[in-house]
Amino acid sequence: MSTTLCFDFGNTRKKVAVFVKGEIAKVLTLEDDATATVNSLINTYQPNRSILSSVIDHNPELEDLLKKNTRFHLLNHASKLPVTTPVGKPETIGADRLAIAAGGVHFFRVKTCC
């Protein structure tokens, strides 16, 4: 079964969505981003993949843990997305804004052809 953990770490909350076969199965708010917390999620859901969108200074061990146990992607200005970022310094665009732009294109793409 294909399972993905999607982490969203914002200024107010740390959340994770569990996707099973491309559908949201569960959304959780995390108390922290400690290694034990994320390890528990990995053990519970056995994800194949994971992605992290973070606008905070998150636990640096988190990325290594996710890389070790899943096919991991850190969403940032270097991610290949279906949108362009026409700004002078793309590295200043927050991962939260990149995620919402990619989601908007994915869910509301307008067909321009016949």
C-alpha atoms as a PDB file:
ATOM      1  CA  MET A   1       0.000   0.000   0.000  1.00  0.00           C
ATOM      2  CA  SER A   2       1.311   3.461  -0.899  1.00  0.00           C
ATOM      3  CA  THR A   3       1.398   5.767   2.122  1.00  0.00           C
ATOM      4  CA  THR A   4       2.789   9.300   2.293  1.00  0.00           C
ATOM      5  CA  LEU A   5       3.320  11.537   5.297  1.00  0.00           C
ATOM      6  CA  CYS A   6       2.949  15.234   4.456  1.00  0.00           C
ATOM      7  CA  PHE A   7       4.338  17.503   7.156  1.00  0.00           C
ATOM      8  CA  ASP A   8       3.343  21.172   7.336  1.00  0.00           C
ATOM      9  CA  PHE A   9       5.236  23.145   9.958  1.00  0.00           C
ATOM     10  CA  GLY A  10       3.956  26.694  10.256  1.00  0.00           C
ATOM     11  CA  ASN A  11       4.426  29.467  12.762  1.00  0.00           C
ATOM     12  CA  THR A  12       1.345  28.419  14.737  1.00  0.00           C
ATOM     13  CA  ARG A  13       1.030  24.654  14.346  1.00  0.00           C
ATOM     14  CA  LYS A  14       2.838  21.546  13.213  1.00  0.00           C
ATOM     15  CA  LYS A  15       0.546  19.268  11.231  1.00  0.00           C
ATOM     16  CA  VAL A  16       0.861  16.025   9.330  1.00  0.00           C
ATOM     17  CA  ALA A  17      -1.514  14.507   6.805  1.00  0.00           C
ATOM     18  CA  VAL A  18      -1.437  10.788   6.131  1.00  0.00           C
ATOM     19  CA  PHE A  19      -2.200   9.960   2.501  1.00  0.00           C
ATOM     20  CA  VAL A  20      -3.075   6.391   1.554  1.00  0.00           C
ATOM     21  CA  LYS A  21      -3.236   5.681  -2.180  1.00  0.00           C
ATOM     22  CA  GLY A  22      -3.380   9.411  -2.885  1.00  0.00           C
ATOM     23  CA  GLU A  23      -6.306  10.146  -0.560  1.00  0.00           C
ATOM     24  CA  ILE A  24      -6.171  11.879   2.822  1.00  0.00           C
ATOM     25  CA  ALA A  25      -6.745   9.235   5.474  1.00  0.00           C
ATOM     26  CA  LYS A  26      -5.953  11.292   8.575  1.00  0.00           C
ATOM     27  CA  VAL A  27      -4.787  14.753   9.645  1.00  0.00           C
ATOM     28  CA  LEU A  28      -2.979  15.214  12.947  1.00  0.00           C
ATOM     29  CA  THR A  29      -1.696  18.216  14.872  1.00  0.00           C
ATOM     30  CA  LEU A  30       1.665  17.473  16.447  1.00  0.00           C
ATOM     31  CA  GLU A  31       2.755  18.637  19.881  1.00  0.00           C
ATOM     32  CA  ASP A  32       6.373  18.842  18.703  1.00  0.00           C
ATOM     33  CA  ASP A  33       8.789  17.736  15.992  1.00  0.00           C
ATOM     34  CA  ALA A  34      10.910  15.558  18.251  1.00  0.00           C
ATOM     35  CA  THR A  35      12.558  12.486  16.787  1.00  0.00           C
ATOM     36  CA  ALA A  36      10.420  10.217  18.991  1.00  0.00           C
ATOM     37  CA  THR A  37       7.215  11.867  17.707  1.00  0.00           C
ATOM     38  CA  VAL A  38       8.125  11.421  14.048  1.00  0.00           C
ATOM     39  CA  ASN A  39       9.496   7.920  14.660  1.00  0.00           C
ATOM     40  CA  SER A  40       6.133   6.985  16.180  1.00  0.00           C
ATOM     41  CA  LEU A  41       4.351   8.231  13.039  1.00  0.00           C
ATOM     42  CA  ILE A  42       6.702   6.223  10.836  1.00  0.00           C
ATOM     43  CA  ASN A  43       6.138   3.083  12.908  1.00  0.00           C
ATOM     44  CA  THR A  44       2.365   3.566  12.945  1.00  0.00           C
ATOM     45  CA  TYR A  45       1.771   4.407   9.272  1.00  0.00           C
ATOM     46  CA  GLN A  46       4.757   2.730   7.555  1.00  0.00           C
ATOM     47  CA  PRO A  47       5.054   5.430   4.865  1.00  0.00           C
ATOM     48  CA  ASN A  48       6.824   4.898   1.562  1.00  0.00           C
ATOM     49  CA  ARG A  49       7.246   8.625   0.994  1.00  0.00           C
ATOM     50  CA  SER A  50       7.310  11.865   2.946  1.00  0.00           C
ATOM     51  CA  ILE A  51       7.414  15.582   2.273  1.00  0.00           C
ATOM     52  CA  LEU A  52       8.106  18.486   4.599  1.00  0.00           C
ATOM     53  CA  SER A  53       6.957  22.064   4.129  1.00  0.00           C
ATOM     54  CA  SER A  54       8.430  24.129   6.944  1.00  0.00           C
ATOM     55  CA  VAL A  55       8.652  27.867   7.577  1.00  0.00           C
ATOM     56  CA  ILE A  56      10.239  27.402  11.013  1.00  0.00           C
ATOM     57  CA  ASP A  57      13.572  26.166  12.308  1.00  0.00           C
ATOM     58  CA  HIS A  58      12.479  22.550  12.670  1.00  0.00           C
ATOM     59  CA  ASN A  59      14.330  19.720  14.383  1.00  0.00           C
ATOM     60  CA  PRO A  60      17.397  19.123  12.158  1.00  0.00           C
ATOM     61  CA  GLU A  61      17.321  15.368  12.875  1.00  0.00           C
ATOM     62  CA  LEU A  62      13.857  15.145  11.343  1.00  0.00           C
ATOM     63  CA  GLU A  63      15.079  15.288   7.751  1.00  0.00           C
ATOM     64  CA  ASP A  64      17.675  12.555   8.325  1.00  0.00           C
ATOM     65  CA  LEU A  65      15.054  10.345   9.974  1.00  0.00           C
ATOM     66  CA  LEU A  66      12.649  10.791   7.067  1.00  0.00           C
ATOM     67  CA  LYS A  67      15.432  10.221   4.496  1.00  0.00           C
ATOM     68  CA  LYS A  68      16.426   7.016   6.251  1.00  0.00           C
ATOM     69  CA  ASN A  69      12.900   5.589   6.394  1.00  0.00           C
ATOM     70  CA  THR A  70      11.112   7.021   3.347  1.00  0.00           C
ATOM     71  CA  ARG A  71      11.632   8.590  -0.026  1.00  0.00           C
ATOM     72  CA  PHE A  72      11.840  12.137   1.356  1.00  0.00           C
ATOM     73  CA  HIS A  73      11.418  15.566  -0.233  1.00  0.00           C
ATOM     74  CA  LEU A  74      12.002  18.924   1.444  1.00  0.00           C
ATOM     75  CA  LEU A  75       9.750  21.454  -0.264  1.00  0.00           C
ATOM     76  CA  ASN A  76      11.700  24.612  -1.026  1.00  0.00           C
ATOM     77  CA  HIS A  77      12.552  27.079  -3.785  1.00  0.00           C
ATOM     78  CA  ALA A  78      14.572  24.398  -5.637  1.00  0.00           C
ATOM     79  CA  SER A  79      11.612  21.957  -5.836  1.00  0.00           C
ATOM     80  CA  LYS A  80      10.290  21.251  -9.324  1.00  0.00           C
ATOM     81  CA  LEU A  81       6.769  22.672  -9.340  1.00  0.00           C
ATOM     82  CA  PRO A  82       4.096  23.394 -11.971  1.00  0.00           C
ATOM     83  CA  VAL A  83       4.472  27.133 -11.295  1.00  0.00           C
ATOM     84  CA  THR A  84       7.186  29.696 -11.831  1.00  0.00           C
ATOM     85  CA  THR A  85       8.487  32.037  -9.183  1.00  0.00           C
ATOM     86  CA  PRO A  86       9.279  35.278 -11.000  1.00  0.00           C
ATOM     87  CA  VAL A  87      11.048  37.004  -8.126  1.00  0.00           C
ATOM     88  CA  GLY A  88      14.585  38.240  -7.720  1.00  0.00           C
ATOM     89  CA  LYS A  89      15.367  35.853  -4.842  1.00  0.00           C
ATOM     90  CA  PRO A  90      13.333  32.619  -5.116  1.00  0.00           C
ATOM     91  CA  GLU A  91      14.923  31.334  -1.893  1.00  0.00           C
ATOM     92  CA  THR A  92      12.901  33.962  -0.002  1.00  0.00           C
ATOM     93  CA  ILE A  93       9.560  32.414  -0.961  1.00  0.00           C
ATOM     94  CA  GLY A  94       8.186  30.376   1.924  1.00  0.00           C
ATOM     95  CA  ALA A  95       7.492  26.678   1.470  1.00  0.00           C
ATOM     96  CA  ASP A  96       3.896  27.327   2.574  1.00  0.00           C
ATOM     97  CA  ARG A  97       3.341  29.667  -0.378  1.00  0.00           C
ATOM     98  CA  LEU A  98       4.969  27.234  -2.788  1.00  0.00           C
ATOM     99  CA  ALA A  99       2.723  24.434  -1.538  1.00  0.00           C
ATOM    100  CA  ILE A 100      -0.464  26.447  -1.934  1.00  0.00           C
ATOM    101  CA  ALA A 101       0.513  27.606  -5.430  1.00  0.00           C
ATOM    102  CA  ALA A 102       1.244  24.026  -6.529  1.00  0.00           C
ATOM    103  CA  GLY A 103      -2.032  22.843  -4.970  1.00  0.00           C
ATOM    104  CA  GLY A 104      -3.962  25.586  -6.742  1.00  0.00           C
ATOM    105  CA  VAL A 105      -2.509  24.605 -10.104  1.00  0.00           C
ATOM    106  CA  HIS A 106      -3.177  20.923  -9.434  1.00  0.00           C
ATOM    107  CA  PHE A 107      -6.792  21.309  -8.343  1.00  0.00           C
ATOM    108  CA  PHE A 108      -7.886  24.270 -10.455  1.00  0.00           C
ATOM    109  CA  ARG A 109      -5.957  23.899 -13.681  1.00  0.00           C
ATOM    110  CA  VAL A 110      -7.791  25.534 -16.565  1.00  0.00           C
ATOM    111  CA  LYS A 111      -7.698  23.664 -19.842  1.00  0.00           C
ATOM    112  CA  THR A 112      -6.662  26.070 -22.566  1.00  0.00           C
ATOM    113  CA  CYS A 113      -6.830  23.734 -25.475  1.00  0.00           C
ATOM    114  CA  CYS A 114      -9.706  22.585 -27.632  1.00  0.00           C
END
